[in-house]
């Protein structure tokens, strides 16, 4: 899959987060409910040796569910600044599939399995009910095949949270 800005699914995401002063733990489950994926990429449409052959076919891609676990350690740098290193594990529970050029369902070997990411967050409390968090992550362990097209070497995000 050369380019895919979205998974092409509507998902149910349910989880629980438990925090203390020093630790944060989270568990979640992500289940695709509907698939709106219109991807039509087939590696077989390219000649042998072409760059496209590096990517798994994803015509009418069907993605399986994920189990997610996160652990972070909180270190207070100042009263309003917290440094949080951690790990994020994502277990892809099933083997994804696609439709080949004849319309037959084909499984994507290696798409099931574990991904582990290293996390680093900087959390700045801006008030009693608000905070800004700069989050970063990079993969340490990856599945042998990641057909969803969302593989990244590094992710950086900025979040503003307000509690009410």
Foldseek 3Di string as FASTA:
>chain_A
DQDDPDLQFDKDKDKDWDDDQWKIKMKMKIAGDGGRDQDQADLVVDDPPDPSVVAHGAHSKFFGMKIKMKMWTWDDPDPFKIKIKIKMKIFRADWIWHAHPVRDIDTDPQQGGMKMKIKIKIWGAPDPFKIKIKIKIATDDDTPHHNSRPDDRMDIDMDIGGDD
